[in-house]
Protein backbone atom coordinates (compact mmCIF):
# COMPACT_ATOMS: atom_id res chain seq x y z
CA MET A 1 40.15 -106.50 69.44
CA PRO A 2 37.57 -106.85 66.16
CA THR A 3 38.63 -104.95 63.24
CA PRO A 4 35.91 -102.20 62.65
CA THR A 5 34.00 -102.61 59.65
CA HIS A 6 33.28 -100.75 56.73
CA ASP A 7 29.72 -99.72 58.29
CA ASP A 8 31.70 -98.95 61.89
CA THR A 9 33.30 -96.32 60.37
CA GLU A 10 30.87 -94.66 58.01
CA GLY A 11 28.87 -91.57 59.54
CA PRO A 12 25.15 -91.99 59.05
CA GLY A 13 24.07 -90.97 55.29
CA PRO A 14 22.01 -88.03 54.71
CA LYS A 15 18.35 -88.21 55.86
CA TRP A 16 16.73 -88.16 52.84
CA ALA A 17 19.00 -91.12 51.29
CA VAL A 18 15.90 -93.66 52.66
CA PRO A 19 12.37 -92.58 51.56
CA PRO A 20 9.76 -93.34 53.98
CA GLU A 21 6.69 -95.39 53.75
CA GLY A 22 4.47 -93.86 50.76
CA GLY A 23 7.70 -91.29 49.92
CA TRP A 24 8.47 -88.09 50.19
CA THR A 25 5.48 -85.09 50.47
CA ALA A 26 5.76 -81.49 48.81
CA ASP A 27 6.39 -80.00 52.51
CA ASP A 28 9.29 -82.37 52.87
CA LEU A 29 11.22 -80.24 50.14
CA ASP A 30 11.64 -77.28 53.03
CA THR A 31 12.00 -79.32 56.08
CA LEU A 32 14.77 -82.10 54.97
CA PRO A 33 18.67 -81.20 55.39
CA ASN A 34 21.31 -80.33 52.83
CA LEU A 35 19.26 -81.40 49.76
CA PRO A 36 21.08 -80.34 46.57
CA ARG A 37 20.10 -77.14 44.94
CA HIS A 38 16.84 -77.07 42.86
CA THR A 39 15.61 -80.76 43.81
CA GLU A 40 12.21 -81.65 42.19
CA LEU A 41 9.37 -83.99 44.22
CA ILE A 42 7.54 -86.46 40.95
CA ASP A 43 5.69 -89.23 42.46
CA GLY A 44 7.08 -89.01 46.11
CA SER A 45 10.87 -89.47 44.99
CA LEU A 46 13.62 -87.11 44.81
CA VAL A 47 14.88 -86.05 41.71
CA PHE A 48 18.76 -84.31 41.54
CA ALA A 49 19.88 -81.71 39.18
CA CYS A 50 22.10 -82.77 36.83
CA PRO A 51 25.06 -80.80 35.50
CA GLN A 52 23.31 -77.74 33.45
CA THR A 53 24.88 -77.32 30.17
CA LEU A 54 25.86 -74.28 28.65
CA PHE A 55 22.46 -74.19 26.62
CA HIS A 56 20.57 -75.00 29.40
CA SER A 57 22.19 -71.62 30.99
CA ARG A 58 21.38 -69.36 28.12
CA ALA A 59 18.26 -71.01 27.38
CA VAL A 60 16.54 -70.21 30.91
CA SER A 61 18.58 -66.67 31.19
CA PHE A 62 16.67 -65.97 27.19
CA PHE A 63 13.85 -67.50 28.19
CA GLY A 64 12.93 -65.57 31.49
CA GLU A 65 14.03 -62.30 30.92
CA CYS A 66 12.34 -62.11 27.54
CA VAL A 67 9.41 -63.25 28.54
CA ARG A 68 9.36 -61.14 31.86
CA ALA A 69 9.49 -58.17 29.88
CA ALA A 70 6.76 -59.10 27.41
CA ALA A 71 4.46 -60.45 30.64
CA PRO A 72 1.33 -57.87 31.47
CA ALA A 73 2.31 -55.79 34.62
CA ALA A 74 -0.51 -58.28 36.75
CA LEU A 75 2.12 -61.10 35.76
CA VAL A 76 5.07 -62.14 37.47
CA THR A 77 8.10 -64.27 35.69
CA ILE A 78 10.06 -66.47 37.81
CA SER A 79 12.86 -68.98 37.35
CA ARG A 80 13.58 -72.35 38.67
CA PHE A 81 10.93 -71.87 41.50
CA THR A 82 9.06 -75.05 42.78
CA ILE A 83 5.09 -75.10 42.35
CA ASP A 84 2.73 -77.84 43.87
CA ILE A 85 0.91 -80.32 42.05
CA ASP A 86 -0.55 -82.14 44.99
CA ARG A 87 0.81 -83.88 47.93
CA HIS A 88 3.35 -86.05 46.29
CA ASN A 89 4.38 -83.61 43.46
CA ARG A 90 6.49 -80.29 43.86
CA PRO A 91 8.78 -80.04 40.23
CA GLU A 92 10.67 -77.08 40.02
CA PRO A 93 9.96 -76.32 36.19
CA ASP A 94 12.97 -73.92 34.60
CA VAL A 95 10.48 -70.48 33.98
CA ILE A 96 6.94 -69.70 35.29
CA VAL A 97 4.64 -66.93 34.96
CA LEU A 98 1.99 -66.24 37.59
CA PRO A 99 -0.25 -63.63 39.02
CA ARG A 100 1.84 -60.96 40.88
CA SER A 101 -1.07 -61.12 43.34
CA VAL A 102 -0.42 -64.87 44.14
CA ILE A 103 3.29 -64.23 45.26
CA ARG A 104 2.71 -62.10 48.22
CA SER A 105 5.77 -62.86 50.52
CA MET A 106 9.21 -62.98 49.31
CA ASP A 107 10.18 -65.77 51.85
CA ARG A 108 8.15 -68.25 49.94
CA THR A 109 9.60 -71.10 48.63
CA ARG A 110 7.14 -72.61 45.88
CA ALA A 111 3.89 -71.52 43.83
CA PRO A 112 0.78 -73.28 44.17
CA GLY A 113 0.43 -75.02 40.18
CA ASP A 114 -3.34 -73.99 39.67
CA ALA A 115 -2.15 -70.25 39.57
CA VAL A 116 0.12 -70.25 37.35
CA GLU A 117 -0.30 -69.06 33.37
CA LEU A 118 2.41 -70.45 31.42
CA VAL A 119 5.32 -73.04 32.08
CA ILE A 120 8.78 -73.04 30.52
CA GLU A 121 11.10 -76.07 30.48
CA VAL A 122 14.47 -76.56 28.91
CA ALA A 123 14.91 -79.93 28.72
CA ALA A 124 18.79 -82.02 28.68
CA ASP A 125 19.32 -85.17 27.51
CA GLU A 126 18.96 -86.36 31.35
CA THR A 127 15.70 -85.00 31.70
CA LEU A 128 14.00 -85.38 28.37
CA THR A 129 11.54 -88.33 28.74
CA ARG A 130 10.28 -86.34 31.80
CA ASP A 131 9.69 -82.98 30.23
CA ARG A 132 8.12 -84.62 26.83
CA GLU A 133 6.22 -86.74 28.74
CA THR A 134 6.04 -87.22 32.75
CA LYS A 135 5.77 -83.31 33.41
CA PRO A 136 2.96 -82.58 30.80
CA VAL A 137 0.47 -84.67 32.61
CA LYS A 138 0.96 -83.23 35.31
CA TYR A 139 1.16 -79.53 34.80
CA ALA A 140 -2.31 -80.01 33.00
CA ARG A 141 -3.76 -81.62 35.72
CA ALA A 142 -3.04 -78.56 37.39
CA THR A 143 -5.18 -76.70 35.22
CA ILE A 144 -1.58 -75.08 33.74
CA PRO A 145 -3.14 -73.53 30.79
CA HIS A 146 0.47 -72.99 28.71
CA TYR A 147 3.27 -75.21 28.73
CA TRP A 148 6.17 -74.28 26.08
CA ARG A 149 9.17 -77.28 25.53
CA VAL A 150 12.58 -76.05 25.17
CA GLU A 151 15.02 -78.16 22.92
CA ASN A 152 19.09 -78.07 21.93
CA HIS A 153 18.79 -78.99 17.92
CA ASP A 154 22.33 -78.84 17.29
CA GLY A 155 22.99 -75.73 19.40
CA ARG A 156 19.80 -74.79 18.35
CA ALA A 157 16.99 -73.87 20.26
CA VAL A 158 13.44 -75.90 19.02
CA VAL A 159 10.34 -74.34 21.51
CA TYR A 160 7.54 -77.24 20.78
CA VAL A 161 4.33 -75.00 22.35
CA PHE A 162 1.07 -76.37 24.06
CA GLU A 163 -1.92 -74.98 24.88
CA ARG A 164 -4.25 -77.04 27.72
CA GLU A 165 -7.80 -77.99 26.15
CA PRO A 166 -10.23 -77.46 28.43
CA ALA A 167 -12.82 -80.50 27.54
CA THR A 168 -9.98 -83.15 27.61
CA GLY A 169 -7.90 -82.07 30.20
CA VAL A 170 -4.89 -82.63 28.46
CA TYR A 171 -2.34 -80.17 26.47
CA THR A 172 -2.48 -79.75 22.20
CA SER A 173 0.18 -78.50 20.17
CA THR A 174 -0.19 -75.05 19.03
CA GLY A 175 3.00 -74.93 17.47
CA ILE A 176 6.73 -75.60 16.49
CA PHE A 177 9.12 -72.91 16.30
CA HIS A 178 12.78 -72.81 14.88
CA ASP A 179 14.31 -69.36 14.27
CA ARG A 180 11.55 -66.80 15.45
CA MET A 181 8.69 -67.93 18.14
CA LYS A 182 5.70 -65.42 17.53
CA VAL A 183 2.65 -66.66 19.39
CA SER A 184 -0.52 -64.10 20.61
CA VAL A 185 -1.14 -65.89 24.16
CA PRO A 186 -0.83 -66.33 27.02
CA PHE A 187 -0.23 -62.61 25.57
CA PRO A 188 2.08 -61.89 22.70
CA VAL A 189 5.75 -63.05 22.19
CA ASP A 190 8.20 -62.39 19.54
CA LEU A 191 11.63 -63.86 19.97
CA ASP A 192 14.78 -64.48 18.25
CA LEU A 193 15.50 -68.11 19.05
CA THR A 194 19.32 -67.95 17.35
CA ALA A 195 20.19 -65.43 20.17
CA ILE A 196 20.72 -68.01 22.51
CA LYS A 197 23.20 -69.52 20.89
CA PRO A 198 26.32 -67.20 21.22
CA ARG A 199 27.73 -65.69 18.31
CA ARG A 200 31.29 -66.16 17.10
CA ARG A 201 32.94 -62.78 17.05
CA ARG A 202 33.93 -60.88 13.26
CA ALA A 203 37.48 -61.48 12.55
CA ALA A 204 39.34 -58.07 13.16
CA GLY A 205 40.20 -56.69 9.87
CA PRO A 206 43.37 -55.23 8.19
CA GLU A 207 44.14 -52.01 10.12
């Protein structure tokens, strides 16, 4: 009897291992079984989340909470929720802000990109090119008016703020913020960026 080959003994791989001709579509993210959490669709390709650093985790929580507190009541802030750009692009920004009226059901798995007012991406080493080059083009094409990119510079947050220029349809830099971020659009925000980095506990003094 012939010895089984490696392929004979292995079970079938996940359905998403081999993309269809033309690439995956935005609808496929809702139907493909066993996709890793926080999978994005960029240009028809599945993009999987990299391991999250402490900086990334704290920054996403910080901006989610602070922006939610600053936003008008008519807007809702959501962390790590996919948005539809087009048939082959469904990214998952770290934080989005959009009209509360758009989210009519708690069963929704995505939001329409053209309804989003603000996108915030916390960049990592593995995502830096996408966050600096690929995603801003797609967000601008979806007519999202405001884009903030957060980067880790030696443990300190630096925020790059962009606003979409209607005549050209591309983002224009409107500020770079280090320790403190104060902007007036899309609504007033005043943030202490040093709060993202955990502060060392003061050593206990002599009694």
